[in-house]
Amino acid sequence: MRKIRLENLIFKGKHGEEWAEKQIAQRFRVNAEISFDFFKASESDKLKDTINWVSLRDDIKNTIEKESFSLVEKLAEEIIKKLSSYKSVGAVKLKIDKLDAWDNGYPGVTIERTN
């Protein structure tokens, strides 16, 4: 199985349990691996034979920027559902870090789904 990777995507969103987290956007870093057999695309050199990276990125961006959840775990679940819905996706691994939560280090989650 081949993988499409999206690394170090950073978007601002209003996710968190505290009132202030719902008012002031914080940065979230996302890394995703989408298992997908893109052999046909590697032979045809046609975008129609693969998953468009822009669409994947936009799904992540829109979920972070336009929705709001109390938990990063819920945010991750919503993103992985969208990424897993593309035709022929075998598995998705997603890592989200909440970069502005602490002064030193950052919390995050990793989630994997196999179709």
PDB file of N, CA and C in Angstrom:
ATOM      1  N   MET A   1       0.849  -1.185   0.000  1.00  0.00           N
ATOM      2  CA  MET A   1       0.000   0.000   0.000  1.00  0.00           C
ATOM      3  C   MET A   1       0.887   1.238   0.000  1.00  0.00           C
ATOM      4  N   ARG A   2       0.533   2.170  -0.793  1.00  0.00           N
ATOM      5  CA  ARG A   2       1.241   3.442  -0.863  1.00  0.00           C
ATOM      6  C   ARG A   2       0.554   4.446   0.056  1.00  0.00           C
ATOM      7  N   LYS A   3       1.250   5.514   0.392  1.00  0.00           N
ATOM      8  CA  LYS A   3       0.693   6.503   1.311  1.00  0.00           C
ATOM      9  C   LYS A   3       0.876   7.908   0.772  1.00  0.00           C
ATOM     10  N   ILE A   4      -0.148   8.708   0.966  1.00  0.00           N
ATOM     11  CA  ILE A   4      -0.073  10.143   0.737  1.00  0.00           C
ATOM     12  C   ILE A   4       0.164  10.766   2.101  1.00  0.00           C
ATOM     13  N   ARG A   5       1.143  11.666   2.200  1.00  0.00           N
ATOM     14  CA  ARG A   5       1.450  12.316   3.480  1.00  0.00           C
ATOM     15  C   ARG A   5       1.185  13.810   3.384  1.00  0.00           C
ATOM     16  N   LEU A   6       0.604  14.337   4.432  1.00  0.00           N
ATOM     17  CA  LEU A   6       0.457  15.778   4.611  1.00  0.00           C
ATOM     18  C   LEU A   6       1.116  16.080   5.950  1.00  0.00           C
ATOM     19  N   GLU A   7       2.143  16.905   5.953  1.00  0.00           N
ATOM     20  CA  GLU A   7       2.915  17.128   7.176  1.00  0.00           C
ATOM     21  C   GLU A   7       2.989  18.602   7.539  1.00  0.00           C
ATOM     22  N   ASN A   8       2.953  18.818   8.842  1.00  0.00           N
ATOM     23  CA  ASN A   8       3.140  20.155   9.418  1.00  0.00           C
ATOM     24  C   ASN A   8       2.150  21.193   8.900  1.00  0.00           C
ATOM     25  N   LEU A   9       0.902  20.770   8.707  1.00  0.00           N
ATOM     26  CA  LEU A   9      -0.147  21.727   8.375  1.00  0.00           C
ATOM     27  C   LEU A   9      -0.511  22.469   9.657  1.00  0.00           C
ATOM     28  N   ILE A  10      -0.561  23.765   9.618  1.00  0.00           N
ATOM     29  CA  ILE A  10      -0.903  24.548  10.806  1.00  0.00           C
ATOM     30  C   ILE A  10      -2.078  25.456  10.477  1.00  0.00           C
ATOM     31  N   PHE A  11      -3.138  25.303  11.281  1.00  0.00           N
ATOM     32  CA  PHE A  11      -4.351  26.102  11.136  1.00  0.00           C
ATOM     33  C   PHE A  11      -4.777  26.579  12.512  1.00  0.00           C
ATOM     34  N   LYS A  12      -5.524  27.687  12.534  1.00  0.00           N
ATOM     35  CA  LYS A  12      -6.034  28.216  13.797  1.00  0.00           C
ATOM     36  C   LYS A  12      -7.499  27.840  13.955  1.00  0.00           C
ATOM     37  N   GLY A  13      -7.849  27.418  15.189  1.00  0.00           N
ATOM     38  CA  GLY A  13      -9.220  27.049  15.477  1.00  0.00           C
ATOM     39  C   GLY A  13      -9.579  27.319  16.920  1.00  0.00           C
ATOM     40  N   LYS A  14     -10.863  27.280  17.194  1.00  0.00           N
ATOM     41  CA  LYS A  14     -11.384  27.553  18.540  1.00  0.00           C
ATOM     42  C   LYS A  14     -11.932  26.257  19.133  1.00  0.00           C
ATOM     43  N   HIS A  15     -11.014  25.468  19.689  1.00  0.00           N
ATOM     44  CA  HIS A  15     -11.370  24.173  20.259  1.00  0.00           C
ATOM     45  C   HIS A  15     -10.841  24.108  21.683  1.00  0.00           C
ATOM     46  N   GLY A  16     -11.675  23.687  22.588  1.00  0.00           N
ATOM     47  CA  GLY A  16     -11.245  23.550  23.973  1.00  0.00           C
ATOM     48  C   GLY A  16     -12.420  23.605  24.918  1.00  0.00           C
ATOM     49  N   GLU A  17     -12.196  23.187  26.117  1.00  0.00           N
ATOM     50  CA  GLU A  17     -13.220  23.122  27.151  1.00  0.00           C
ATOM     51  C   GLU A  17     -13.443  24.484  27.813  1.00  0.00           C
ATOM     52  N   GLU A  18     -12.413  25.293  27.888  1.00  0.00           N
ATOM     53  CA  GLU A  18     -12.495  26.583  28.574  1.00  0.00           C
ATOM     54  C   GLU A  18     -13.134  27.661  27.685  1.00  0.00           C
ATOM     55  N   TRP A  19     -13.805  28.627  28.309  1.00  0.00           N
ATOM     56  CA  TRP A  19     -14.471  29.709  27.586  1.00  0.00           C
ATOM     57  C   TRP A  19     -13.481  30.447  26.688  1.00  0.00           C
ATOM     58  N   ALA A  20     -12.308  30.765  27.210  1.00  0.00           N
ATOM     59  CA  ALA A  20     -11.309  31.515  26.440  1.00  0.00           C
ATOM     60  C   ALA A  20     -10.885  30.755  25.180  1.00  0.00           C
ATOM     61  N   GLU A  21     -10.838  29.436  25.252  1.00  0.00           N
ATOM     62  CA  GLU A  21     -10.443  28.636  24.091  1.00  0.00           C
ATOM     63  C   GLU A  21     -11.479  28.711  22.968  1.00  0.00           C
ATOM     64  N   LYS A  22     -12.714  29.012  23.332  1.00  0.00           N
ATOM     65  CA  LYS A  22     -13.779  29.145  22.336  1.00  0.00           C
ATOM     66  C   LYS A  22     -13.812  30.555  21.735  1.00  0.00           C
ATOM     67  N   GLN A  23     -13.086  31.499  22.357  1.00  0.00           N
ATOM     68  CA  GLN A  23     -13.098  32.889  21.912  1.00  0.00           C
ATOM     69  C   GLN A  23     -11.866  33.262  21.085  1.00  0.00           C
ATOM     70  N   ILE A  24     -10.721  32.715  21.464  1.00  0.00           N
ATOM     71  CA  ILE A  24      -9.454  33.078  20.819  1.00  0.00           C
ATOM     72  C   ILE A  24      -8.886  31.853  20.111  1.00  0.00           C
ATOM     73  N   ALA A  25      -8.676  31.979  18.818  1.00  0.00           N
ATOM     74  CA  ALA A  25      -8.154  30.855  18.033  1.00  0.00           C
ATOM     75  C   ALA A  25      -6.735  30.498  18.467  1.00  0.00           C
ATOM     76  N   GLN A  26      -6.481  29.195  18.521  1.00  0.00           N
ATOM     77  CA  GLN A  26      -5.153  28.665  18.822  1.00  0.00           C
ATOM     78  C   GLN A  26      -4.664  27.880  17.609  1.00  0.00           C
ATOM     79  N   ARG A  27      -3.348  27.667  17.571  1.00  0.00           N
ATOM     80  CA  ARG A  27      -2.757  26.925  16.455  1.00  0.00           C
ATOM     81  C   ARG A  27      -2.813  25.418  16.711  1.00  0.00           C
ATOM     82  N   PHE A  28      -3.151  24.691  15.645  1.00  0.00           N
ATOM     83  CA  PHE A  28      -3.149  23.233  15.659  1.00  0.00           C
ATOM     84  C   PHE A  28      -2.266  22.752  14.513  1.00  0.00           C
ATOM     85  N   ARG A  29      -1.362  21.819  14.836  1.00  0.00           N
ATOM     86  CA  ARG A  29      -0.516  21.224  13.789  1.00  0.00           C
ATOM     87  C   ARG A  29      -1.057  19.838  13.478  1.00  0.00           C
ATOM     88  N   VAL A  30      -1.173  19.534  12.186  1.00  0.00           N
ATOM     89  CA  VAL A  30      -1.724  18.252  11.760  1.00  0.00           C
ATOM     90  C   VAL A  30      -0.736  17.554  10.833  1.00  0.00           C
ATOM     91  N   ASN A  31      -0.560  16.265  11.097  1.00  0.00           N
ATOM     92  CA  ASN A  31       0.164  15.373  10.203  1.00  0.00           C
ATOM     93  C   ASN A  31      -0.781  14.226   9.867  1.00  0.00           C
ATOM     94  N   ALA A  32      -0.863  13.880   8.587  1.00  0.00           N
ATOM     95  CA  ALA A  32      -1.761  12.805   8.173  1.00  0.00           C
ATOM     96  C   ALA A  32      -1.057  11.894   7.178  1.00  0.00           C
ATOM     97  N   GLU A  33      -1.333  10.607   7.308  1.00  0.00           N
ATOM     98  CA  GLU A  33      -0.902   9.601   6.329  1.00  0.00           C
ATOM     99  C   GLU A  33      -2.149   8.894   5.841  1.00  0.00           C
ATOM    100  N   ILE A  34      -2.363   8.916   4.540  1.00  0.00           N
ATOM    101  CA  ILE A  34      -3.535   8.286   3.945  1.00  0.00           C
ATOM    102  C   ILE A  34      -3.045   7.132   3.076  1.00  0.00           C
ATOM    103  N   SER A  35      -3.365   5.913   3.483  1.00  0.00           N
ATOM    104  CA  SER A  35      -2.980   4.734   2.701  1.00  0.00           C
ATOM    105  C   SER A  35      -3.941   4.591   1.530  1.00  0.00           C
ATOM    106  N   PHE A  36      -3.372   4.547   0.349  1.00  0.00           N
ATOM    107  CA  PHE A  36      -4.165   4.578  -0.870  1.00  0.00           C
ATOM    108  C   PHE A  36      -3.297   4.024  -1.988  1.00  0.00           C
ATOM    109  N   ASP A  37      -3.805   3.066  -2.726  1.00  0.00           N
ATOM    110  CA  ASP A  37      -3.025   2.483  -3.810  1.00  0.00           C
ATOM    111  C   ASP A  37      -3.094   3.398  -5.031  1.00  0.00           C
ATOM    112  N   PHE A  38      -2.079   4.245  -5.173  1.00  0.00           N
ATOM    113  CA  PHE A  38      -2.080   5.194  -6.286  1.00  0.00           C
ATOM    114  C   PHE A  38      -1.227   4.697  -7.458  1.00  0.00           C
ATOM    115  N   PHE A  39      -1.119   3.372  -7.609  1.00  0.00           N
ATOM    116  CA  PHE A  39      -0.363   2.815  -8.729  1.00  0.00           C
ATOM    117  C   PHE A  39      -0.916   3.314 -10.071  1.00  0.00           C
ATOM    118  N   LYS A  40      -2.255   3.310 -10.199  1.00  0.00           N
ATOM    119  CA  LYS A  40      -2.862   3.759 -11.456  1.00  0.00           C
ATOM    120  C   LYS A  40      -2.443   5.197 -11.767  1.00  0.00           C
ATOM    121  N   ALA A  41      -2.434   6.064 -10.763  1.00  0.00           N
ATOM    122  CA  ALA A  41      -2.032   7.457 -10.974  1.00  0.00           C
ATOM    123  C   ALA A  41      -0.557   7.558 -11.346  1.00  0.00           C
ATOM    124  N   SER A  42       0.259   6.705 -10.756  1.00  0.00           N
ATOM    125  CA  SER A  42       1.689   6.749 -11.075  1.00  0.00           C
ATOM    126  C   SER A  42       1.952   6.306 -12.513  1.00  0.00           C
ATOM    127  N   GLU A  43       1.052   5.500 -13.063  1.00  0.00           N
ATOM    128  CA  GLU A  43       1.175   5.078 -14.456  1.00  0.00           C
ATOM    129  C   GLU A  43       0.551   6.095 -15.414  1.00  0.00           C
ATOM    130  N   SER A  44      -0.636   6.604 -15.060  1.00  0.00           N
ATOM    131  CA  SER A  44      -1.373   7.486 -15.979  1.00  0.00           C
ATOM    132  C   SER A  44      -0.915   8.939 -15.913  1.00  0.00           C
ATOM    133  N   ASP A  45      -0.373   9.342 -14.766  1.00  0.00           N
ATOM    134  CA  ASP A  45       0.023  10.739 -14.542  1.00  0.00           C
ATOM    135  C   ASP A  45      -1.186  11.679 -14.632  1.00  0.00           C
ATOM    136  N   LYS A  46      -2.353  11.168 -14.192  1.00  0.00           N
ATOM    137  CA  LYS A  46      -3.600  11.937 -14.239  1.00  0.00           C
ATOM    138  C   LYS A  46      -4.122  12.154 -12.828  1.00  0.00           C
ATOM    139  N   LEU A  47      -4.513  13.390 -12.506  1.00  0.00           N
ATOM    140  CA  LEU A  47      -5.057  13.729 -11.202  1.00  0.00           C
ATOM    141  C   LEU A  47      -6.325  12.931 -10.883  1.00  0.00           C
ATOM    142  N   LYS A  48      -7.106  12.613 -11.899  1.00  0.00           N
ATOM    143  CA  LYS A  48      -8.351  11.881 -11.690  1.00  0.00           C
ATOM    144  C   LYS A  48      -8.115  10.475 -11.127  1.00  0.00           C
ATOM    145  N   ASP A  49      -6.896   9.973 -11.206  1.00  0.00           N
ATOM    146  CA  ASP A  49      -6.574   8.625 -10.740  1.00  0.00           C
ATOM    147  C   ASP A  49      -5.981   8.597  -9.335  1.00  0.00           C
ATOM    148  N   THR A  50      -6.016   9.722  -8.664  1.00  0.00           N
ATOM    149  CA  THR A  50      -5.481   9.785  -7.306  1.00  0.00           C
ATOM    150  C   THR A  50      -6.428  10.599  -6.431  1.00  0.00           C
ATOM    151  N   ILE A  51      -6.032  10.852  -5.206  1.00  0.00           N
ATOM    152  CA  ILE A  51      -6.771  11.736  -4.314  1.00  0.00           C
ATOM    153  C   ILE A  51      -6.062  13.082  -4.334  1.00  0.00           C
ATOM    154  N   ASN A  52      -6.799  14.114  -4.607  1.00  0.00           N
ATOM    155  CA  ASN A  52      -6.230  15.450  -4.710  1.00  0.00           C
ATOM    156  C   ASN A  52      -5.758  15.930  -3.331  1.00  0.00           C
ATOM    157  N   TRP A  53      -4.492  16.227  -3.206  1.00  0.00           N
ATOM    158  CA  TRP A  53      -3.924  16.687  -1.935  1.00  0.00           C
ATOM    159  C   TRP A  53      -4.610  17.946  -1.438  1.00  0.00           C
ATOM    160  N   VAL A  54      -4.991  18.816  -2.358  1.00  0.00           N
ATOM    161  CA  VAL A  54      -5.652  20.068  -1.982  1.00  0.00           C
ATOM    162  C   VAL A  54      -6.981  19.767  -1.286  1.00  0.00           C
ATOM    163  N   SER A  55      -7.719  18.800  -1.788  1.00  0.00           N
ATOM    164  CA  SER A  55      -8.995  18.431  -1.163  1.00  0.00           C
ATOM    165  C   SER A  55      -8.787  17.900   0.247  1.00  0.00           C
ATOM    166  N   LEU A  56      -7.766  17.078   0.438  1.00  0.00           N
ATOM    167  CA  LEU A  56      -7.453  16.558   1.770  1.00  0.00           C
ATOM    168  C   LEU A  56      -7.110  17.700   2.726  1.00  0.00           C
ATOM    169  N   ARG A  57      -6.233  18.584   2.276  1.00  0.00           N
ATOM    170  CA  ARG A  57      -5.837  19.724   3.101  1.00  0.00           C
ATOM    171  C   ARG A  57      -7.033  20.606   3.430  1.00  0.00           C
ATOM    172  N   ASP A  58      -7.886  20.852   2.451  1.00  0.00           N
ATOM    173  CA  ASP A  58      -9.049  21.704   2.677  1.00  0.00           C
ATOM    174  C   ASP A  58     -10.030  21.082   3.672  1.00  0.00           C
ATOM    175  N   ASP A  59     -10.180  19.774   3.641  1.00  0.00           N
ATOM    176  CA  ASP A  59     -11.042  19.103   4.629  1.00  0.00           C
ATOM    177  C   ASP A  59     -10.511  19.317   6.042  1.00  0.00           C
ATOM    178  N   ILE A  60      -9.216  19.198   6.212  1.00  0.00           N
ATOM    179  CA  ILE A  60      -8.588  19.416   7.524  1.00  0.00           C
ATOM    180  C   ILE A  60      -8.762  20.874   7.933  1.00  0.00           C
ATOM    181  N   LYS A  61      -8.420  21.777   7.046  1.00  0.00           N
ATOM    182  CA  LYS A  61      -8.500  23.220   7.311  1.00  0.00           C
ATOM    183  C   LYS A  61      -9.912  23.645   7.700  1.00  0.00           C
ATOM    184  N   ASN A  62     -10.899  23.231   6.919  1.00  0.00           N
ATOM    185  CA  ASN A  62     -12.281  23.627   7.183  1.00  0.00           C
ATOM    186  C   ASN A  62     -12.795  23.070   8.505  1.00  0.00           C
ATOM    187  N   THR A  63     -12.414  21.868   8.848  1.00  0.00           N
ATOM    188  CA  THR A  63     -12.856  21.289  10.117  1.00  0.00           C
ATOM    189  C   THR A  63     -12.259  22.050  11.285  1.00  0.00           C
ATOM    190  N   ILE A  64     -10.992  22.397  11.201  1.00  0.00           N
ATOM    191  CA  ILE A  64     -10.342  23.136  12.286  1.00  0.00           C
ATOM    192  C   ILE A  64     -10.856  24.568  12.366  1.00  0.00           C
ATOM    193  N   GLU A  65     -10.959  25.232  11.242  1.00  0.00           N
ATOM    194  CA  GLU A  65     -11.283  26.660  11.245  1.00  0.00           C
ATOM    195  C   GLU A  65     -12.776  26.971  11.339  1.00  0.00           C
ATOM    196  N   LYS A  66     -13.635  26.096  10.864  1.00  0.00           N
ATOM    197  CA  LYS A  66     -15.063  26.421  10.784  1.00  0.00           C
ATOM    198  C   LYS A  66     -15.935  25.685  11.792  1.00  0.00           C
ATOM    199  N   GLU A  67     -15.365  24.726  12.502  1.00  0.00           N
ATOM    200  CA  GLU A  67     -16.121  23.998  13.514  1.00  0.00           C
ATOM    201  C   GLU A  67     -15.473  24.257  14.870  1.00  0.00           C
ATOM    202  N   SER A  68     -16.163  23.856  15.936  1.00  0.00           N
ATOM    203  CA  SER A  68     -15.627  24.058  17.284  1.00  0.00           C
ATOM    204  C   SER A  68     -16.019  22.881  18.163  1.00  0.00           C
ATOM    205  N   PHE A  69     -15.026  22.283  18.816  1.00  0.00           N
ATOM    206  CA  PHE A  69     -15.258  21.140  19.692  1.00  0.00           C
ATOM    207  C   PHE A  69     -14.583  21.389  21.040  1.00  0.00           C
ATOM    208  N   SER A  70     -15.084  20.756  22.051  1.00  0.00           N
ATOM    209  CA  SER A  70     -14.480  20.890  23.377  1.00  0.00           C
ATOM    210  C   SER A  70     -13.182  20.092  23.482  1.00  0.00           C
ATOM    211  N   LEU A  71     -13.116  18.978  22.791  1.00  0.00           N
ATOM    212  CA  LEU A  71     -11.954  18.090  22.914  1.00  0.00           C
ATOM    213  C   LEU A  71     -11.214  17.930  21.590  1.00  0.00           C
ATOM    214  N   VAL A  72      -9.906  17.868  21.669  1.00  0.00           N
ATOM    215  CA  VAL A  72      -9.093  17.593  20.487  1.00  0.00           C
ATOM    216  C   VAL A  72      -9.399  16.184  19.973  1.00  0.00           C
ATOM    217  N   GLU A  73      -9.771  15.283  20.871  1.00  0.00           N
ATOM    218  CA  GLU A  73     -10.135  13.922  20.462  1.00  0.00           C
ATOM    219  C   GLU A  73     -11.323  13.945  19.491  1.00  0.00           C
ATOM    220  N   LYS A  74     -12.311  14.782  19.764  1.00  0.00           N
ATOM    221  CA  LYS A  74     -13.478  14.912  18.880  1.00  0.00           C
ATOM    222  C   LYS A  74     -13.079  15.563  17.559  1.00  0.00           C
ATOM    223  N   LEU A  75     -12.234  16.570  17.621  1.00  0.00           N
ATOM    224  CA  LEU A  75     -11.723  17.211  16.408  1.00  0.00           C
ATOM    225  C   LEU A  75     -11.026  16.186  15.523  1.00  0.00           C
ATOM    226  N   ALA A  76     -10.179  15.370  16.125  1.00  0.00           N
ATOM    227  CA  ALA A  76      -9.454  14.336  15.370  1.00  0.00           C
ATOM    228  C   ALA A  76     -10.416  13.332  14.743  1.00  0.00           C
ATOM    229  N   GLU A  77     -11.427  12.940  15.480  1.00  0.00           N
ATOM    230  CA  GLU A  77     -12.411  11.980  14.954  1.00  0.00           C
ATOM    231  C   GLU A  77     -13.157  12.550  13.753  1.00  0.00           C
ATOM    232  N   GLU A  78     -13.528  13.807  13.820  1.00  0.00           N
ATOM    233  CA  GLU A  78     -14.242  14.428  12.702  1.00  0.00           C
ATOM    234  C   GLU A  78     -13.353  14.530  11.462  1.00  0.00           C
ATOM    235  N   ILE A  79     -12.090  14.872  11.664  1.00  0.00           N
ATOM    236  CA  ILE A  79     -11.170  14.958  10.520  1.00  0.00           C
ATOM    237  C   ILE A  79     -10.930  13.586   9.914  1.00  0.00           C
ATOM    238  N   ILE A  80     -10.703  12.584  10.755  1.00  0.00           N
ATOM    239  CA  ILE A  80     -10.388  11.253  10.213  1.00  0.00           C
ATOM    240  C   ILE A  80     -11.583  10.654   9.484  1.00  0.00           C
ATOM    241  N   LYS A  81     -12.791  10.972   9.923  1.00  0.00           N
ATOM    242  CA  LYS A  81     -13.987  10.523   9.194  1.00  0.00           C
ATOM    243  C   LYS A  81     -13.984  11.079   7.778  1.00  0.00           C
ATOM    244  N   LYS A  82     -13.653  12.363   7.642  1.00  0.00           N
ATOM    245  CA  LYS A  82     -13.649  12.996   6.325  1.00  0.00           C
ATOM    246  C   LYS A  82     -12.555  12.410   5.430  1.00  0.00           C
ATOM    247  N   LEU A  83     -11.361  12.233   5.990  1.00  0.00           N
ATOM    248  CA  LEU A  83     -10.258  11.702   5.189  1.00  0.00           C
ATOM    249  C   LEU A  83     -10.500  10.247   4.794  1.00  0.00           C
ATOM    250  N   SER A  84     -11.157   9.491   5.665  1.00  0.00           N
ATOM    251  CA  SER A  84     -11.440   8.082   5.393  1.00  0.00           C
ATOM    252  C   SER A  84     -12.531   7.892   4.355  1.00  0.00           C
ATOM    253  N   SER A  85     -13.296   8.937   4.089  1.00  0.00           N
ATOM    254  CA  SER A  85     -14.444   8.802   3.186  1.00  0.00           C
ATOM    255  C   SER A  85     -14.059   8.829   1.704  1.00  0.00           C
ATOM    256  N   TYR A  86     -12.830   9.162   1.394  1.00  0.00           N
ATOM    257  CA  TYR A  86     -12.415   9.175  -0.008  1.00  0.00           C
ATOM    258  C   TYR A  86     -12.372   7.753  -0.553  1.00  0.00           C
ATOM    259  N   LYS A  87     -12.753   7.627  -1.800  1.00  0.00           N
ATOM    260  CA  LYS A  87     -12.793   6.323  -2.459  1.00  0.00           C
ATOM    261  C   LYS A  87     -11.414   5.656  -2.440  1.00  0.00           C
ATOM    262  N   SER A  88     -11.394   4.402  -2.106  1.00  0.00           N
ATOM    263  CA  SER A  88     -10.198   3.548  -2.132  1.00  0.00           C
ATOM    264  C   SER A  88      -9.196   3.819  -1.015  1.00  0.00           C
ATOM    265  N   VAL A  89      -9.549   4.620  -0.019  1.00  0.00           N
ATOM    266  CA  VAL A  89      -8.645   4.820   1.118  1.00  0.00           C
ATOM    267  C   VAL A  89      -8.652   3.551   1.964  1.00  0.00           C
ATOM    268  N   GLY A  90      -7.452   3.038   2.237  1.00  0.00           N
ATOM    269  CA  GLY A  90      -7.332   1.830   3.040  1.00  0.00           C
ATOM    270  C   GLY A  90      -7.229   2.126   4.525  1.00  0.00           C
ATOM    271  N   ALA A  91      -6.485   3.169   4.874  1.00  0.00           N
ATOM    272  CA  ALA A  91      -6.293   3.526   6.283  1.00  0.00           C
ATOM    273  C   ALA A  91      -5.847   4.982   6.361  1.00  0.00           C
ATOM    274  N   VAL A  92      -6.080   5.561   7.532  1.00  0.00           N
ATOM    275  CA  VAL A  92      -5.650   6.931   7.785  1.00  0.00           C
ATOM    276  C   VAL A  92      -5.024   6.981   9.168  1.00  0.00           C
ATOM    277  N   LYS A  93      -3.883   7.636   9.264  1.00  0.00           N
ATOM    278  CA  LYS A  93      -3.249   7.926  10.555  1.00  0.00           C
ATOM    279  C   LYS A  93      -3.179   9.445  10.665  1.00  0.00           C
ATOM    280  N   LEU A  94      -3.641   9.959  11.800  1.00  0.00           N
ATOM    281  CA  LEU A  94      -3.744  11.399  11.982  1.00  0.00           C
ATOM    282  C   LEU A  94      -3.147  11.781  13.325  1.00  0.00           C
ATOM    283  N   LYS A  95      -2.331  12.819  13.320  1.00  0.00           N
ATOM    284  CA  LYS A  95      -1.747  13.349  14.550  1.00  0.00           C
ATOM    285  C   LYS A  95      -2.072  14.836  14.619  1.00  0.00           C
ATOM    286  N   ILE A  96      -2.628  15.263  15.757  1.00  0.00           N
ATOM    287  CA  ILE A  96      -2.945  16.678  15.960  1.00  0.00           C
ATOM    288  C   ILE A  96      -2.273  17.149  17.243  1.00  0.00           C
ATOM    289  N   ASP A  97      -1.548  18.265  17.147  1.00  0.00           N
ATOM    290  CA  ASP A  97      -0.904  18.885  18.301  1.00  0.00           C
ATOM    291  C   ASP A  97      -1.537  20.254  18.521  1.00  0.00           C
ATOM    292  N   LYS A  98      -1.827  20.570  19.772  1.00  0.00           N
ATOM    293  CA  LYS A  98      -2.392  21.875  20.144  1.00  0.00           C
ATOM    294  C   LYS A  98      -1.222  22.743  20.597  1.00  0.00           C
ATOM    295  N   LEU A  99      -0.701  23.539  19.682  1.00  0.00           N
ATOM    296  CA  LEU A  99       0.576  24.218  19.874  1.00  0.00           C
ATOM    297  C   LEU A  99       0.561  25.331  20.916  1.00  0.00           C
ATOM    298  N   ASP A 100      -0.569  25.975  21.147  1.00  0.00           N
ATOM    299  CA  ASP A 100      -0.612  27.120  22.052  1.00  0.00           C
ATOM    300  C   ASP A 100      -1.201  26.804  23.426  1.00  0.00           C
ATOM    301  N   ALA A 101      -1.363  25.547  23.742  1.00  0.00           N
ATOM    302  CA  ALA A 101      -2.003  25.177  25.010  1.00  0.00           C
ATOM    303  C   ALA A 101      -1.118  25.480  26.223  1.00  0.00           C
ATOM    304  N   TRP A 102       0.176  25.246  26.096  1.00  0.00           N
ATOM    305  CA  TRP A 102       1.098  25.399  27.221  1.00  0.00           C
ATOM    306  C   TRP A 102       2.274  26.274  26.819  1.00  0.00           C
ATOM    307  N   ASP A 103       2.985  26.769  27.838  1.00  0.00           N
ATOM    308  CA  ASP A 103       4.202  27.541  27.581  1.00  0.00           C
ATOM    309  C   ASP A 103       5.378  26.638  27.227  1.00  0.00           C
ATOM    310  N   ASN A 104       5.344  25.399  27.687  1.00  0.00           N
ATOM    311  CA  ASN A 104       6.450  24.470  27.488  1.00  0.00           C
ATOM    312  C   ASN A 104       5.893  23.137  27.014  1.00  0.00           C
ATOM    313  N   GLY A 105       6.144  22.787  25.774  1.00  0.00           N
ATOM    314  CA  GLY A 105       5.609  21.552  25.206  1.00  0.00           C
ATOM    315  C   GLY A 105       4.190  21.756  24.705  1.00  0.00           C
ATOM    316  N   TYR A 106       3.586  20.679  24.268  1.00  0.00           N
ATOM    317  CA  TYR A 106       2.222  20.751  23.756  1.00  0.00           C
ATOM    318  C   TYR A 106       1.554  19.384  23.855  1.00  0.00           C
ATOM    319  N   PRO A 107       0.243  19.385  24.110  1.00  0.00           N
ATOM    320  CA  PRO A 107      -0.499  18.128  24.108  1.00  0.00           C
ATOM    321  C   PRO A 107      -0.989  17.809  22.703  1.00  0.00           C
ATOM    322  N   GLY A 108      -1.367  16.575  22.492  1.00  0.00           N
ATOM    323  CA  GLY A 108      -1.906  16.192  21.201  1.00  0.00           C
ATOM    324  C   GLY A 108      -2.482  14.802  21.230  1.00  0.00           C
ATOM    325  N   VAL A 109      -3.043  14.398  20.108  1.00  0.00           N
ATOM    326  CA  VAL A 109      -3.609  13.061  19.977  1.00  0.00           C
ATOM    327  C   VAL A 109      -3.166  12.450  18.658  1.00  0.00           C
ATOM    328  N   THR A 110      -3.151  11.136  18.633  1.00  0.00           N
ATOM    329  CA  THR A 110      -2.925  10.373  17.410  1.00  0.00           C
ATOM    330  C   THR A 110      -4.076   9.389  17.291  1.00  0.00           C
ATOM    331  N   ILE A 111      -4.619   9.289  16.096  1.00  0.00           N
ATOM    332  CA  ILE A 111      -5.743   8.403  15.854  1.00  0.00           C
ATOM    333  C   ILE A 111      -5.506   7.694  14.531  1.00  0.00           C
ATOM    334  N   GLU A 112      -5.906   6.421  14.462  1.00  0.00           N
ATOM    335  CA  GLU A 112      -5.770   5.644  13.237  1.00  0.00           C
ATOM    336  C   GLU A 112      -7.094   4.961  12.920  1.00  0.00           C
ATOM    337  N   ARG A 113      -7.389   4.876  11.647  1.00  0.00           N
ATOM    338  CA  ARG A 113      -8.614   4.174  11.225  1.00  0.00           C
ATOM    339  C   ARG A 113      -8.295   3.364   9.973  1.00  0.00           C
ATOM    340  N   THR A 114      -8.769   2.133   9.973  1.00  0.00           N
ATOM    341  CA  THR A 114      -8.642   1.258   8.816  1.00  0.00           C
ATOM    342  C   THR A 114     -10.029   1.030   8.235  1.00  0.00           C
ATOM    343  N   ASN A 115     -10.154   1.212   6.933  1.00  0.00           N
ATOM    344  CA  ASN A 115     -11.453   0.993   6.267  1.00  0.00           C
ATOM    345  C   ASN A 115     -11.611  -0.461   5.891  1.00  0.00           C
TER     346      ASN A 115
END
